[in-house]
Amino acid sequence: MSNHPIPIIEVRGTYREVGRQIGEKCKPQIEMMMSQLRESIPPNKTWDQLVKEGKIFQAHSRAIYPQYVDELEGIAEGADVPFDEMFISMCEELWETPPFGKGCTDMAARGRATLDGTTLIAHTNDLSAKNEEDLVILKIQAGDEPEFIGVSSGGVGISAGYNAAKISLTGNQLNSNDVRHGVPRLLVVRAILGAKNLSEAMDACLLKERASSYNNVIADGTGEVYSMEGSATDIEAIYIEKDYMAHANHYTHPAMRRFELSPSDNANSIIRYNRANYLLKESYGKLTPDLFKQLLADHGGYPTSICKHGFNSVTVFSIIVQVETLTAWIGRGFPCETVYTEYKLEPYQK
């Protein structure tokens, strides 16, 4: 069983100070991440070409989110790595070449679907198995933003989390055919976690200068949940239906299907998506954090199940957020083996 919690790093201060503290404390993970990036340079590109192209993403990012670029510069300083090289770790748009090794499954429920009426968001995060050893939980309070908890592979980009203003962020990789230069989607995730309300979180998802987009599942403490299914140039805000919803790694909205890069590669995602919806429907009115732990451990379609054991990616962590109570349960490794650790935030004081 994965019963050793993911290490947690707590930092606060200005964006630069926060970044420097993260860099100092995550130096081994960042060095490992940089080594892995150098070993996975896309075909027909060189490291220098990636760094040069990354500067275009930098320029877009500085124009929109200078505070988060400042934070990243602090991370590079603290870890003693070149900033221009570290920044390209935020630019997944530069690195993705088929077959894509990632995945994720999201489930959400609220109101009549949950046992006590609270809003529950559940997420599995699928990456290469070697990424599990680089996981850290970041507890960050930067500037005047709400404190947040986020799970990161390597300490730089964040995969999922929630903040003290009762904004939750999980989501799924989407492979679109309109990727372009712009603000990296990982930086948009950082902006969502800094949001003070749902409107600010949605504004970040809708950013017109984005280079690409995840399917960002955003929720707040009033029970509002949206699946922001986006590409670089279009997006659909899918509202929670019948008090539950699910998402995996393909476009589900009819208007977004034209952006699918490779529809023939979506079999596993389609199976996980339908399986998640089935489990939610069968559990309607009974859903609790403990029941979600069981759903995340589901092996329907094994080994490429919700609790994913192969082939080109595995579940390296899972998270359940009870938005209203500012409580989360996070587990390392396979949900079928993990022991979840509980985390709490204090409410944001405006």
Protein backbone atom coordinates (compact mmCIF):
# COMPACT_ATOMS: atom_id res chain seq x y z
CA MET A 1 0.00 0.00 0.00
CA SER A 2 1.12 3.58 -0.73
CA ASN A 3 0.84 4.66 2.89
CA HIS A 4 3.60 7.29 2.91
CA PRO A 5 2.08 10.71 2.20
CA ILE A 6 3.33 13.00 -0.53
CA PRO A 7 5.74 15.51 1.09
CA ILE A 8 4.20 18.93 1.71
CA ILE A 9 6.00 22.26 1.36
CA GLU A 10 4.47 25.36 2.95
CA VAL A 11 5.52 28.81 1.72
CA ARG A 12 4.23 32.37 1.92
CA GLY A 13 5.33 35.86 0.96
CA THR A 14 5.65 37.87 -2.23
CA TYR A 15 5.51 35.93 -5.49
CA ARG A 16 9.30 36.10 -5.81
CA GLU A 17 9.80 35.01 -2.19
CA VAL A 18 7.33 32.16 -2.56
CA GLY A 19 9.09 30.99 -5.72
CA ARG A 20 12.53 31.14 -4.12
CA GLN A 21 11.36 29.06 -1.16
CA ILE A 22 9.82 26.46 -3.49
CA GLY A 23 13.01 26.29 -5.54
CA GLU A 24 15.19 25.81 -2.47
CA LYS A 25 12.96 23.11 -0.99
CA CYS A 26 12.24 21.32 -4.28
CA LYS A 27 15.76 21.50 -5.71
CA PRO A 28 16.18 17.68 -6.02
CA GLN A 29 12.79 17.27 -7.72
CA ILE A 30 13.46 20.16 -10.10
CA GLU A 31 16.90 18.83 -11.02
CA MET A 32 15.35 15.40 -11.71
CA MET A 33 12.58 16.98 -13.80
CA MET A 34 15.12 18.93 -15.87
CA SER A 35 17.14 15.76 -16.44
CA GLN A 36 14.02 13.91 -17.60
CA LEU A 37 13.14 16.74 -19.99
CA ARG A 38 16.58 16.55 -21.58
CA GLU A 39 16.05 12.84 -22.10
CA SER A 40 12.72 13.35 -23.89
CA ILE A 41 13.43 16.02 -26.49
CA PRO A 42 10.82 15.79 -29.28
CA PRO A 43 11.94 14.41 -32.66
CA ASN A 44 13.56 16.90 -35.04
CA LYS A 45 14.19 19.44 -32.26
CA THR A 46 17.18 20.35 -30.13
CA TRP A 47 17.37 21.62 -26.56
CA ASP A 48 18.48 25.05 -27.77
CA GLN A 49 15.54 25.24 -30.16
CA LEU A 50 13.12 24.45 -27.34
CA VAL A 51 14.63 27.12 -25.11
CA LYS A 52 14.46 29.67 -27.93
CA GLU A 53 10.83 28.84 -28.68
CA GLY A 54 10.04 28.90 -24.97
CA LYS A 55 10.98 32.58 -24.90
CA ILE A 56 7.99 33.28 -27.15
CA PHE A 57 5.72 31.69 -24.52
CA GLN A 58 7.58 33.73 -21.90
CA ALA A 59 6.75 36.98 -23.65
CA HIS A 60 3.04 36.17 -23.74
CA SER A 61 3.15 35.10 -20.10
CA ARG A 62 4.91 38.24 -18.88
CA ALA A 63 2.30 40.39 -20.61
CA ILE A 64 -0.65 38.61 -18.94
CA TYR A 65 0.66 37.13 -15.69
CA PRO A 66 3.84 38.99 -14.65
CA GLN A 67 3.33 37.95 -11.03
CA TYR A 68 3.43 34.25 -11.89
CA VAL A 69 6.50 34.69 -14.10
CA ASP A 70 8.09 36.44 -11.10
CA GLU A 71 7.19 33.39 -9.00
CA LEU A 72 8.77 31.08 -11.57
CA GLU A 73 11.93 33.21 -11.67
CA GLY A 74 12.10 32.82 -7.90
CA ILE A 75 11.82 29.04 -8.27
CA ALA A 76 14.71 29.02 -10.73
CA GLU A 77 16.81 31.16 -8.39
CA GLY A 78 16.07 28.94 -5.41
CA ALA A 79 16.84 25.74 -7.32
CA ASP A 80 19.90 27.30 -9.01
CA VAL A 81 18.80 26.35 -12.52
CA PRO A 82 18.68 28.59 -15.62
CA PHE A 83 15.28 30.27 -15.78
CA ASP A 84 14.94 30.04 -19.57
CA GLU A 85 15.50 26.29 -19.37
CA MET A 86 13.18 25.75 -16.40
CA PHE A 87 10.41 27.78 -18.04
CA ILE A 88 10.04 25.28 -20.87
CA SER A 89 8.95 22.70 -18.26
CA MET A 90 5.80 24.85 -18.04
CA CYS A 91 5.33 24.65 -21.81
CA GLU A 92 3.77 21.25 -22.36
CA GLU A 93 2.78 22.58 -25.75
CA LEU A 94 6.45 22.22 -26.79
CA TRP A 95 6.86 18.67 -25.57
CA GLU A 96 3.84 16.67 -26.63
CA THR A 97 4.35 14.27 -29.47
CA PRO A 98 2.12 11.20 -29.98
CA PRO A 99 1.62 8.86 -28.27
CA PHE A 100 0.66 11.05 -25.33
CA GLY A 101 1.56 9.44 -22.03
CA LYS A 102 -0.92 11.22 -19.82
CA GLY A 103 -4.50 10.83 -18.74
CA CYS A 104 -6.86 11.69 -15.91
CA THR A 105 -10.44 10.98 -14.87
CA ASP A 106 -12.65 13.51 -13.09
CA MET A 107 -15.94 13.06 -11.26
CA ALA A 108 -18.05 15.73 -9.58
CA ALA A 109 -21.23 15.63 -7.53
CA ARG A 110 -23.33 18.07 -5.53
CA GLY A 111 -26.74 18.61 -3.99
CA ARG A 112 -29.03 15.60 -4.28
CA ALA A 113 -26.25 13.39 -5.64
CA THR A 114 -24.21 13.51 -2.41
CA LEU A 115 -25.27 12.12 0.93
CA ASP A 116 -25.02 15.43 2.79
CA GLY A 117 -25.55 17.85 -0.12
CA THR A 118 -21.97 19.10 -0.22
CA THR A 119 -19.94 19.50 -3.39
CA LEU A 120 -17.39 16.75 -3.99
CA ILE A 121 -14.75 16.77 -6.73
CA ALA A 122 -12.68 13.63 -7.38
CA HIS A 123 -9.68 13.28 -9.69
CA THR A 124 -7.11 10.69 -10.71
CA ASN A 125 -3.85 11.96 -12.18
CA ASP A 126 -2.15 9.69 -14.70
CA LEU A 127 1.48 10.20 -15.68
CA SER A 128 4.58 8.13 -16.29
CA ALA A 129 5.23 5.87 -13.27
CA LYS A 130 8.57 7.58 -12.62
CA ASN A 131 6.76 10.87 -11.91
CA GLU A 132 5.41 9.50 -8.63
CA GLU A 133 8.75 9.92 -6.87
CA ASP A 134 8.85 13.63 -7.83
CA LEU A 135 5.42 14.52 -6.36
CA VAL A 136 5.12 17.33 -3.84
CA ILE A 137 2.15 19.10 -2.29
CA LEU A 138 2.55 22.87 -2.35
CA LYS A 139 0.73 24.96 0.25
CA ILE A 140 1.15 28.50 -1.03
CA GLN A 141 0.05 31.95 0.06
CA ALA A 142 1.40 34.52 -2.41
CA GLY A 143 0.74 38.25 -2.37
CA ASP A 144 -2.90 38.94 -1.45
CA GLU A 145 -4.20 35.74 -3.05
CA PRO A 146 -6.06 33.03 -1.15
CA GLU A 147 -3.86 30.29 0.25
CA PHE A 148 -4.04 27.13 -1.83
CA ILE A 149 -3.01 23.50 -1.79
CA GLY A 150 -1.83 22.02 -5.10
CA VAL A 151 -0.22 18.76 -6.14
CA SER A 152 2.84 19.13 -8.36
CA SER A 153 5.20 16.81 -10.17
CA GLY A 154 8.56 18.45 -9.61
CA GLY A 155 7.42 21.56 -7.74
CA VAL A 156 6.94 23.85 -10.76
CA GLY A 157 3.65 23.15 -12.60
CA ILE A 158 0.52 22.16 -10.64
CA SER A 159 -1.93 19.43 -11.64
CA ALA A 160 -4.85 19.85 -9.22
CA GLY A 161 -5.80 21.66 -6.03
CA TYR A 162 -8.13 24.06 -4.27
CA ASN A 163 -7.90 27.36 -2.44
CA ALA A 164 -9.16 29.07 0.71
CA ALA A 165 -11.75 31.06 -1.28
CA LYS A 166 -13.48 27.70 -1.96
CA ILE A 167 -12.34 27.40 -5.56
CA SER A 168 -11.46 23.88 -6.70
CA LEU A 169 -9.42 23.02 -9.80
CA THR A 170 -8.96 19.60 -11.33
CA GLY A 171 -9.02 18.56 -14.95
CA ASN A 172 -7.93 16.52 -17.90
CA GLN A 173 -5.45 16.74 -20.71
CA LEU A 174 -7.02 17.35 -24.12
CA ASN A 175 -5.06 16.97 -27.34
CA SER A 176 -6.17 19.70 -29.71
CA ASN A 177 -5.18 20.50 -33.29
CA ASP A 178 -4.88 24.27 -32.76
CA VAL A 179 -1.96 24.53 -30.30
CA ARG A 180 -0.10 27.81 -30.80
CA HIS A 181 2.28 30.21 -29.10
CA GLY A 182 0.69 31.92 -26.11
CA VAL A 183 0.30 31.60 -22.36
CA PRO A 184 1.01 27.96 -21.40
CA ARG A 185 -1.98 26.10 -20.01
CA LEU A 186 0.00 25.24 -16.86
CA LEU A 187 0.23 28.96 -16.11
CA VAL A 188 -3.54 29.25 -16.54
CA VAL A 189 -3.88 26.55 -13.86
CA ARG A 190 -1.79 28.70 -11.52
CA ALA A 191 -4.10 31.65 -12.20
CA ILE A 192 -7.19 29.57 -11.42
CA LEU A 193 -5.73 28.58 -8.05
CA GLY A 194 -5.16 32.27 -7.31
CA ALA A 195 -8.80 33.16 -8.05
CA LYS A 196 -10.90 34.77 -5.31
CA ASN A 197 -14.21 33.69 -6.82
CA LEU A 198 -15.62 31.50 -9.59
CA SER A 199 -15.82 34.38 -12.05
CA GLU A 200 -12.07 34.98 -11.79
CA ALA A 201 -11.42 31.25 -12.21
CA MET A 202 -13.57 31.18 -15.35
CA ASP A 203 -11.87 34.32 -16.68
CA ALA A 204 -8.57 32.44 -16.53
CA CYS A 205 -10.05 29.50 -18.45
CA LEU A 206 -11.37 31.88 -21.12
CA LEU A 207 -8.05 33.72 -21.55
CA LYS A 208 -7.87 34.53 -25.25
CA GLU A 209 -4.06 34.50 -25.29
CA ARG A 210 -3.80 30.86 -24.14
CA ALA A 211 -1.55 28.51 -26.09
CA SER A 212 -3.81 25.50 -25.50
CA SER A 213 -6.18 24.30 -22.80
CA TYR A 214 -6.94 21.48 -20.46
CA ASN A 215 -10.47 20.52 -19.66
CA ASN A 216 -10.46 22.54 -16.43
CA VAL A 217 -13.06 21.38 -13.90
CA ILE A 218 -13.75 24.37 -11.67
CA ALA A 219 -16.10 24.49 -8.69
CA ASP A 220 -16.96 26.81 -5.82
CA GLY A 221 -18.48 26.66 -2.35
CA THR A 222 -22.02 27.36 -3.55
CA GLY A 223 -22.11 24.10 -5.51
CA GLU A 224 -21.45 25.57 -8.94
CA VAL A 225 -19.40 23.22 -11.12
CA TYR A 226 -18.22 23.73 -14.70
CA SER A 227 -16.20 21.57 -17.05
CA MET A 228 -14.33 24.14 -19.14
CA GLU A 229 -13.65 22.08 -22.24
CA GLY A 230 -11.20 24.15 -24.25
CA SER A 231 -8.66 24.31 -27.04
CA ALA A 232 -6.38 27.22 -27.90
CA THR A 233 -9.03 29.05 -29.90
CA ASP A 234 -12.42 27.91 -28.57
CA ILE A 235 -14.04 26.68 -25.37
CA GLU A 236 -17.35 25.38 -24.06
CA ALA A 237 -18.46 25.88 -20.44
CA ILE A 238 -20.27 22.61 -19.67
CA TYR A 239 -22.49 23.02 -16.61
CA ILE A 240 -23.06 20.17 -14.17
CA GLU A 241 -26.17 18.21 -15.14
CA LYS A 242 -28.43 16.31 -12.74
CA ASP A 243 -26.00 17.16 -9.91
CA TYR A 244 -23.16 14.99 -11.23
CA MET A 245 -20.68 14.99 -14.11
CA ALA A 246 -17.58 13.19 -15.35
CA HIS A 247 -14.80 13.88 -17.81
CA ALA A 248 -11.75 12.10 -19.19
CA ASN A 249 -9.35 12.98 -22.03
CA HIS A 250 -11.46 13.57 -25.13
CA TYR A 251 -13.81 16.31 -26.28
CA THR A 252 -17.43 15.58 -25.39
CA HIS A 253 -19.23 18.75 -26.48
CA PRO A 254 -20.34 18.58 -30.15
CA ALA A 255 -18.96 22.06 -30.85
CA MET A 256 -15.48 21.03 -29.62
CA ARG A 257 -15.06 17.70 -31.40
CA ARG A 258 -13.59 19.36 -34.48
CA PHE A 259 -10.53 20.24 -32.37
CA GLU A 260 -9.70 16.61 -31.54
CA LEU A 261 -6.15 15.95 -32.72
CA SER A 262 -6.48 12.19 -33.09
CA PRO A 263 -10.00 10.79 -32.55
CA SER A 264 -8.79 7.24 -33.22
CA ASP A 265 -6.69 7.36 -30.03
CA ASN A 266 -9.65 8.01 -27.70
CA ALA A 267 -10.89 4.50 -26.90
CA ASN A 268 -9.48 4.39 -23.37
CA SER A 269 -10.75 7.87 -22.57
CA ILE A 270 -14.24 7.07 -23.85
CA ILE A 271 -14.37 3.92 -21.71
CA ARG A 272 -13.23 5.73 -18.55
CA TYR A 273 -15.67 8.59 -19.19
CA ASN A 274 -18.66 6.28 -19.57
CA ARG A 275 -17.58 4.11 -16.65
CA ALA A 276 -17.30 7.19 -14.39
CA ASN A 277 -20.78 8.37 -15.39
CA TYR A 278 -22.18 4.90 -14.72
CA LEU A 279 -20.59 4.76 -11.25
CA LEU A 280 -21.92 8.23 -10.41
CA LYS A 281 -25.43 7.31 -11.54
CA GLU A 282 -25.37 4.07 -9.54
CA SER A 283 -24.18 5.95 -6.43
CA TYR A 284 -26.59 8.89 -6.78
CA GLY A 285 -27.68 10.24 -3.41
CA LYS A 286 -25.08 8.20 -1.54
CA LEU A 287 -21.83 9.88 -2.55
CA THR A 288 -19.39 10.71 0.26
CA PRO A 289 -15.59 11.17 0.37
CA ASP A 290 -15.20 7.55 1.45
CA LEU A 291 -17.40 6.29 -1.38
CA PHE A 292 -15.44 8.38 -3.86
CA LYS A 293 -12.26 6.68 -2.65
CA GLN A 294 -13.87 3.42 -3.80
CA LEU A 295 -14.96 4.87 -7.14
CA LEU A 296 -11.46 6.18 -7.86
CA ALA A 297 -10.15 2.65 -7.22
CA ASP A 298 -12.46 1.17 -9.87
CA HIS A 299 -10.87 -1.39 -12.21
CA GLY A 300 -13.54 -1.52 -14.91
CA GLY A 301 -11.55 -1.85 -18.16
CA TYR A 302 -8.35 -2.80 -16.30
CA PRO A 303 -5.46 -2.03 -16.73
CA THR A 304 -6.45 1.25 -18.44
CA SER A 305 -9.19 1.81 -15.88
CA ILE A 306 -10.07 4.83 -13.72
CA CYS A 307 -7.47 3.45 -11.31
CA LYS A 308 -4.97 3.16 -14.13
CA HIS A 309 -2.24 0.50 -14.10
CA GLY A 310 -0.98 0.88 -17.68
CA PHE A 311 -0.03 0.91 -20.47
CA ASN A 312 1.70 4.21 -21.30
CA SER A 313 0.69 5.93 -18.05
CA VAL A 314 -0.45 5.02 -14.54
CA THR A 315 -2.29 6.82 -11.75
CA VAL A 316 0.38 8.54 -9.64
CA PHE A 317 -1.99 10.38 -7.28
CA SER A 318 -5.66 11.02 -6.62
CA ILE A 319 -7.49 13.80 -4.82
CA ILE A 320 -11.00 14.34 -3.44
CA VAL A 321 -12.10 17.87 -2.49
CA GLN A 322 -15.12 18.77 -0.35
CA VAL A 323 -15.35 22.35 -1.47
CA GLU A 324 -17.62 23.84 1.21
CA THR A 325 -15.53 22.53 4.13
CA LEU A 326 -12.15 23.33 2.55
CA THR A 327 -11.11 19.72 3.07
CA ALA A 328 -9.21 17.45 0.72
CA TRP A 329 -8.01 13.86 0.76
CA ILE A 330 -4.88 13.14 -1.28
CA GLY A 331 -3.30 9.76 -1.92
CA ARG A 332 -0.05 8.75 -3.60
CA GLY A 333 0.04 6.02 -6.25
CA PHE A 334 -2.80 3.70 -7.21
CA PRO A 335 -6.15 4.55 -5.54
CA CYS A 336 -6.70 0.83 -4.98
CA GLU A 337 -3.59 0.74 -2.74
CA THR A 338 -3.21 4.21 -1.27
CA VAL A 339 -3.93 5.49 2.21
CA TYR A 340 -5.42 8.97 1.88
CA THR A 341 -4.18 11.89 3.99
CA GLU A 342 -6.60 14.65 4.97
CA TYR A 343 -5.76 18.33 4.44
CA LYS A 344 -7.65 21.49 5.45
CA LEU A 345 -7.46 25.19 4.72
CA GLU A 346 -8.71 28.11 6.77
CA PRO A 347 -11.30 30.33 5.03
CA TYR A 348 -9.95 33.24 3.00
CA GLN A 349 -10.36 36.60 4.72
CA LYS A 350 -11.09 39.20 2.05
